[in-house]
Amino acid sequence: MPMYQVKPVCGVDIKVDLPTCMYKLPNVHAQQGNSCSSEHALQNGEVDPAVKALEARQDEILRKLYELKAAVEGLAKTVTTPDADLDLTVSSSLSSQSSTAVFTGTTDLDALLGKDLGALRDIVINANPAQPPLTLLVLHRLLCQRYRVLSTVHVHSSVSSVPPQLLSCLGPRHPDSHSRHMFQLGFTLIWKDVPKLQMKFSVRNMCPIDGEANVARFLFKLLAPYPSDPALATLVDSWVDAAFFQLAEGSSEERAAALRDLGSALGRSAWLSGPDLSLA
């Protein structure tokens, strides 16, 4: 039994409106007024300078990241050689030829192969030892007369044995081969069980080049530009195709026809195309 009673201070019929959320926020999706302009646009249609500065800063950061990525990919070549899993390095050489070579003048490698970001430009060629690329060996010697070339031969695990002549086809080992920064160009030849010769230069910027003829065209452009005359350039390409597809891979009739055309052309001129040395 209670000691005393107290009258209620409020009625039992009072309804209390309880909140359904902790706090309210403005609607960020609602359009204020009839304005259809962008949030960061001014009344005259121009973009806010702060937004422009932010976009420029973002573009600069992305550009630096892109260059850093390219530099890291290039430096990775100093640790391992593409497509040479468990390969055995057998030779490397440095050209010390005089400047009075067959090809004179200077060629801008930055314009031909892209900007040098501190890593050695390495041309990697996969070739089958059953079909040695004799044309590329000649072009390699000409490149050594023009540039400081780091030449390296590897043997892929898919090949059981390689003749000693092919292991030393790029010349003797140079004592400074470990200092890659001393060279302008890398020439890596990998003897590998491949159906067709393949060249890789930059996995990020270009696809692989298949075929000895196409690789020869790429390497020759590092020595001298292709003829500017379309007719002369077509003549050079026709002789290159005839050499690889008729003389090297054609039937006996195709070889005989190509030899007749070759003898007829050399009977009229000392060179097959034009007055100077060309890829043909």
Protein backbone atom coordinates (compact mmCIF):
# COMPACT_ATOMS: atom_id res chain seq x y z
CA MET A 1 0.00 0.00 0.00
CA PRO A 2 1.54 3.40 -1.09
CA MET A 3 2.26 6.06 1.45
CA TYR A 4 0.41 8.75 -0.55
CA GLN A 5 -1.01 9.38 -4.01
CA VAL A 6 -0.11 12.08 -6.56
CA LYS A 7 -2.33 13.28 -9.34
CA PRO A 8 -0.93 12.82 -12.88
CA VAL A 9 0.65 15.98 -14.33
CA CYS A 10 -0.34 15.16 -17.92
CA GLY A 11 -3.15 13.37 -19.56
CA VAL A 12 -2.83 9.86 -20.82
CA ASP A 13 -4.18 10.85 -24.26
CA ILE A 14 -1.18 13.06 -25.26
CA LYS A 15 0.63 11.79 -28.39
CA VAL A 16 4.34 12.45 -28.74
CA ASP A 17 5.81 12.68 -32.29
CA LEU A 18 9.05 10.78 -32.21
CA PRO A 19 11.67 11.58 -34.95
CA THR A 20 12.28 9.00 -37.68
CA CYS A 21 15.91 10.10 -38.32
CA MET A 22 18.74 11.54 -36.32
CA TYR A 23 19.12 14.73 -38.40
CA LYS A 24 18.19 16.07 -41.80
CA LEU A 25 20.39 16.96 -44.79
CA PRO A 26 19.58 19.00 -47.87
CA ASN A 27 18.75 17.09 -51.05
CA VAL A 28 21.91 17.04 -53.14
CA HIS A 29 20.04 15.78 -56.23
CA ALA A 30 17.49 18.56 -56.38
CA GLN A 31 18.06 21.36 -58.88
CA GLN A 32 17.91 24.80 -57.40
CA GLY A 33 15.75 27.08 -59.45
CA ASN A 34 15.77 26.72 -63.25
CA SER A 35 19.53 26.84 -63.65
CA CYS A 36 20.86 24.19 -66.04
CA SER A 37 24.48 25.21 -65.79
CA SER A 38 27.18 23.05 -64.24
CA GLU A 39 27.91 23.30 -60.55
CA HIS A 40 31.40 24.63 -61.25
CA ALA A 41 30.47 26.89 -64.18
CA LEU A 42 30.26 30.64 -63.87
CA GLN A 43 27.46 32.84 -65.24
CA ASN A 44 29.43 33.62 -68.42
CA GLY A 45 29.87 29.91 -69.20
CA GLU A 46 33.53 29.69 -68.20
CA VAL A 47 34.85 27.00 -65.89
CA ASP A 48 35.93 27.93 -62.41
CA PRO A 49 39.71 28.63 -62.38
CA ALA A 50 40.07 26.43 -59.31
CA VAL A 51 38.63 23.51 -61.26
CA LYS A 52 40.97 24.24 -64.17
CA ALA A 53 43.96 24.26 -61.84
CA LEU A 54 42.84 20.97 -60.29
CA GLU A 55 42.47 19.33 -63.72
CA ALA A 56 45.88 20.60 -64.84
CA ARG A 57 47.46 19.23 -61.67
CA GLN A 58 45.78 15.87 -62.23
CA ASP A 59 47.04 15.73 -65.84
CA GLU A 60 50.57 16.54 -64.69
CA ILE A 61 50.46 13.78 -62.06
CA LEU A 62 49.18 11.26 -64.63
CA ARG A 63 51.93 12.28 -67.06
CA LYS A 64 54.61 11.77 -64.42
CA LEU A 65 53.13 8.41 -63.48
CA TYR A 66 53.14 7.38 -67.14
CA GLU A 67 56.81 8.35 -67.54
CA LEU A 68 57.67 6.58 -64.29
CA LYS A 69 55.93 3.42 -65.50
CA ALA A 70 57.86 3.54 -68.77
CA ALA A 71 61.14 4.04 -66.91
CA VAL A 72 60.44 1.09 -64.61
CA GLU A 73 59.60 -1.13 -67.58
CA GLY A 74 62.86 -0.11 -69.21
CA LEU A 75 64.91 -0.70 -66.07
CA ALA A 76 63.35 -4.14 -65.77
CA LYS A 77 65.31 -5.13 -68.86
CA THR A 78 68.52 -4.68 -66.91
CA VAL A 79 67.43 -7.52 -64.63
CA THR A 80 65.90 -9.98 -67.07
CA THR A 81 65.56 -10.34 -70.80
CA PRO A 82 62.07 -10.82 -72.30
CA ASP A 83 61.22 -14.35 -73.46
CA ALA A 84 64.48 -15.76 -72.09
CA ASP A 85 63.37 -17.92 -69.19
CA LEU A 86 66.44 -19.63 -67.72
CA ASP A 87 68.49 -18.62 -70.75
CA LEU A 88 72.26 -18.77 -70.89
CA THR A 89 74.05 -15.59 -71.92
CA VAL A 90 76.90 -16.54 -74.15
CA SER A 91 78.21 -13.39 -75.81
CA SER A 92 78.00 -9.62 -75.92
CA SER A 93 79.96 -7.07 -77.87
CA LEU A 94 80.52 -3.36 -78.19
CA SER A 95 81.23 -1.77 -81.52
CA SER A 96 84.31 0.43 -81.65
CA GLN A 97 84.24 1.17 -85.36
CA SER A 98 85.34 4.56 -86.65
CA SER A 99 82.89 7.20 -87.79
CA THR A 100 83.86 6.60 -91.42
CA ALA A 101 81.39 3.74 -91.77
CA VAL A 102 79.15 2.85 -94.65
CA PHE A 103 76.36 5.07 -93.31
CA THR A 104 77.44 8.57 -92.34
CA GLY A 105 75.64 11.25 -90.37
CA THR A 106 73.65 10.94 -87.18
CA THR A 107 70.27 9.37 -86.68
CA ASP A 108 67.98 10.59 -83.91
CA LEU A 109 67.03 7.46 -81.99
CA ASP A 110 64.51 9.46 -79.95
CA ALA A 111 62.60 10.26 -83.14
CA LEU A 112 62.78 6.68 -84.41
CA LEU A 113 62.30 4.62 -81.24
CA GLY A 114 60.78 7.05 -78.76
CA LYS A 115 62.25 9.14 -75.97
CA ASP A 116 65.00 7.53 -73.94
CA LEU A 117 63.94 7.44 -70.27
CA GLY A 118 67.23 6.15 -68.95
CA ALA A 119 66.80 2.52 -69.97
CA LEU A 120 68.63 0.81 -72.80
CA ARG A 121 66.61 0.44 -75.99
CA ASP A 122 66.69 -3.32 -76.37
CA ILE A 123 65.69 -5.01 -79.63
CA VAL A 124 64.81 -8.63 -78.84
CA ILE A 125 64.69 -11.12 -81.73
CA ASN A 126 63.46 -14.71 -81.44
CA ALA A 127 64.92 -16.89 -84.20
CA ASN A 128 65.00 -20.59 -84.95
CA PRO A 129 68.56 -22.00 -85.14
CA ALA A 130 67.40 -24.25 -88.00
CA GLN A 131 66.84 -21.09 -90.08
CA PRO A 132 69.49 -18.51 -89.09
CA PRO A 133 68.53 -14.94 -90.09
CA LEU A 134 71.57 -14.11 -92.21
CA THR A 135 70.13 -10.77 -93.30
CA LEU A 136 69.79 -9.59 -89.71
CA LEU A 137 73.39 -10.54 -88.96
CA VAL A 138 74.53 -8.24 -91.78
CA LEU A 139 72.29 -5.44 -90.52
CA HIS A 140 73.63 -5.99 -87.00
CA ARG A 141 77.17 -5.40 -88.25
CA LEU A 142 76.05 -2.17 -89.93
CA LEU A 143 74.29 -1.05 -86.74
CA CYS A 144 77.52 -1.64 -84.81
CA GLN A 145 79.27 0.72 -87.23
CA ARG A 146 76.67 3.39 -86.53
CA TYR A 147 75.84 3.05 -82.82
CA ARG A 148 77.26 1.68 -79.58
CA VAL A 149 75.45 -1.65 -79.60
CA LEU A 150 75.27 -4.11 -76.72
CA SER A 151 74.92 -7.46 -78.51
CA THR A 152 73.80 -10.51 -76.57
CA VAL A 153 72.95 -14.09 -77.55
CA HIS A 154 70.67 -16.32 -75.47
CA VAL A 155 69.51 -19.91 -75.79
CA HIS A 156 65.88 -20.59 -74.94
CA SER A 157 64.88 -23.68 -73.01
CA SER A 158 62.85 -24.90 -76.01
CA VAL A 159 66.09 -25.51 -77.96
CA SER A 160 68.21 -28.50 -76.98
CA SER A 161 71.45 -27.53 -78.73
CA VAL A 162 72.83 -24.69 -80.84
CA PRO A 163 75.97 -24.83 -83.04
CA PRO A 164 78.93 -22.86 -81.64
CA GLN A 165 78.97 -20.64 -84.73
CA LEU A 166 75.49 -19.36 -83.90
CA LEU A 167 76.41 -18.74 -80.27
CA SER A 168 79.17 -16.35 -81.33
CA CYS A 169 77.46 -14.89 -84.41
CA LEU A 170 77.25 -11.39 -82.87
CA GLY A 171 80.90 -11.14 -81.95
CA PRO A 172 83.02 -11.65 -78.83
CA ARG A 173 82.05 -10.63 -75.34
CA HIS A 174 82.93 -7.08 -74.34
CA PRO A 175 84.41 -6.48 -70.86
CA ASP A 176 82.03 -3.55 -70.21
CA SER A 177 78.87 -5.47 -71.09
CA HIS A 178 77.60 -5.12 -67.50
CA SER A 179 77.53 -1.31 -67.86
CA ARG A 180 74.41 -0.98 -69.98
CA HIS A 181 74.38 2.81 -69.69
CA MET A 182 77.45 2.96 -71.95
CA PHE A 183 75.47 1.70 -74.95
CA GLN A 184 72.94 3.35 -77.23
CA LEU A 185 71.15 0.25 -78.46
CA GLY A 186 70.65 -3.32 -77.30
CA PHE A 187 70.53 -6.20 -79.79
CA THR A 188 69.38 -9.42 -78.11
CA LEU A 189 69.18 -12.57 -80.23
CA ILE A 190 67.36 -15.53 -78.66
CA TRP A 191 67.66 -18.93 -80.32
CA LYS A 192 64.19 -20.34 -79.77
CA ASP A 193 61.93 -22.98 -81.29
CA VAL A 194 59.61 -20.62 -83.19
CA PRO A 195 57.94 -21.22 -86.58
CA LYS A 196 58.75 -17.71 -87.80
CA LEU A 197 61.25 -15.07 -86.77
CA GLN A 198 59.79 -12.51 -84.39
CA MET A 199 61.04 -9.20 -83.04
CA LYS A 200 59.90 -7.40 -79.89
CA PHE A 201 60.98 -3.89 -79.03
CA SER A 202 58.39 -2.19 -76.84
CA VAL A 203 55.54 -4.31 -75.53
CA ARG A 204 53.71 -1.19 -74.37
CA ASN A 205 53.95 0.85 -77.58
CA MET A 206 54.05 -1.66 -80.43
CA CYS A 207 53.05 -5.19 -81.30
CA PRO A 208 55.62 -7.87 -82.25
CA ILE A 209 56.99 -7.86 -85.81
CA ASP A 210 56.87 -11.22 -87.59
CA GLY A 211 58.99 -12.30 -90.52
CA GLU A 212 62.62 -11.71 -91.41
CA ALA A 213 61.70 -9.29 -94.20
CA ASN A 214 59.66 -7.01 -91.92
CA VAL A 215 62.29 -7.08 -89.18
CA ALA A 216 64.94 -6.20 -91.77
CA ARG A 217 62.87 -3.19 -92.84
CA PHE A 218 62.63 -2.04 -89.22
CA LEU A 219 66.37 -2.36 -88.59
CA PHE A 220 67.37 -0.71 -91.85
CA LYS A 221 65.33 2.38 -90.96
CA LEU A 222 67.69 2.83 -88.00
CA LEU A 223 70.52 3.18 -90.52
CA ALA A 224 68.97 5.25 -93.29
CA PRO A 225 65.48 6.52 -94.12
CA TYR A 226 63.41 4.78 -96.73
CA PRO A 227 63.36 6.48 -100.17
CA SER A 228 61.00 9.43 -100.31
CA ASP A 229 60.14 8.62 -103.93
CA PRO A 230 57.12 6.26 -103.84
CA ALA A 231 58.24 4.47 -107.01
CA LEU A 232 61.73 3.84 -105.63
CA ALA A 233 60.35 2.71 -102.25
CA THR A 234 58.03 0.28 -104.04
CA LEU A 235 60.98 -1.05 -106.05
CA VAL A 236 62.97 -1.67 -102.86
CA ASP A 237 60.04 -3.50 -101.25
CA SER A 238 59.52 -5.64 -104.34
CA TRP A 239 63.17 -6.77 -104.33
CA VAL A 240 63.02 -7.51 -100.59
CA ASP A 241 59.86 -9.59 -101.04
CA ALA A 242 61.41 -11.40 -104.00
CA ALA A 243 64.49 -12.26 -101.95
CA PHE A 244 62.55 -13.75 -99.04
CA PHE A 245 59.52 -15.27 -100.74
CA GLN A 246 61.01 -16.42 -104.05
CA LEU A 247 64.72 -17.00 -103.52
CA ALA A 248 64.53 -18.27 -99.94
CA GLU A 249 61.13 -19.94 -99.75
CA GLY A 250 59.98 -20.33 -103.35
CA SER A 251 59.98 -23.30 -105.67
CA SER A 252 62.72 -24.05 -108.18
CA GLU A 253 60.84 -22.21 -110.94
CA GLU A 254 60.36 -19.16 -108.73
CA ARG A 255 64.04 -19.15 -107.78
CA ALA A 256 65.08 -19.37 -111.42
CA ALA A 257 62.79 -16.47 -112.38
CA ALA A 258 64.05 -14.34 -109.49
CA LEU A 259 67.68 -15.04 -110.40
CA ARG A 260 67.03 -14.01 -114.01
CA ASP A 261 65.47 -10.73 -112.86
CA LEU A 262 68.34 -10.21 -110.43
CA GLY A 263 70.99 -10.76 -113.09
CA SER A 264 69.20 -8.45 -115.51
CA ALA A 265 68.95 -5.65 -112.93
CA LEU A 266 72.59 -5.94 -111.83
CA GLY A 267 73.67 -5.91 -115.46
CA ARG A 268 72.20 -2.42 -115.86
CA SER A 269 73.34 -0.90 -112.54
CA ALA A 270 75.66 -1.61 -109.63
CA TRP A 271 72.72 -1.43 -107.20
CA LEU A 272 69.28 -2.97 -107.45
CA SER A 273 67.41 0.23 -106.62
CA GLY A 274 68.77 3.73 -107.02
CA PRO A 275 72.37 4.92 -107.11
CA ASP A 276 73.15 4.10 -103.44
CA LEU A 277 73.09 1.16 -101.08
CA SER A 278 69.60 0.21 -99.93
CA LEU A 279 67.91 -2.67 -98.17
CA ALA A 280 67.45 -4.40 -101.52
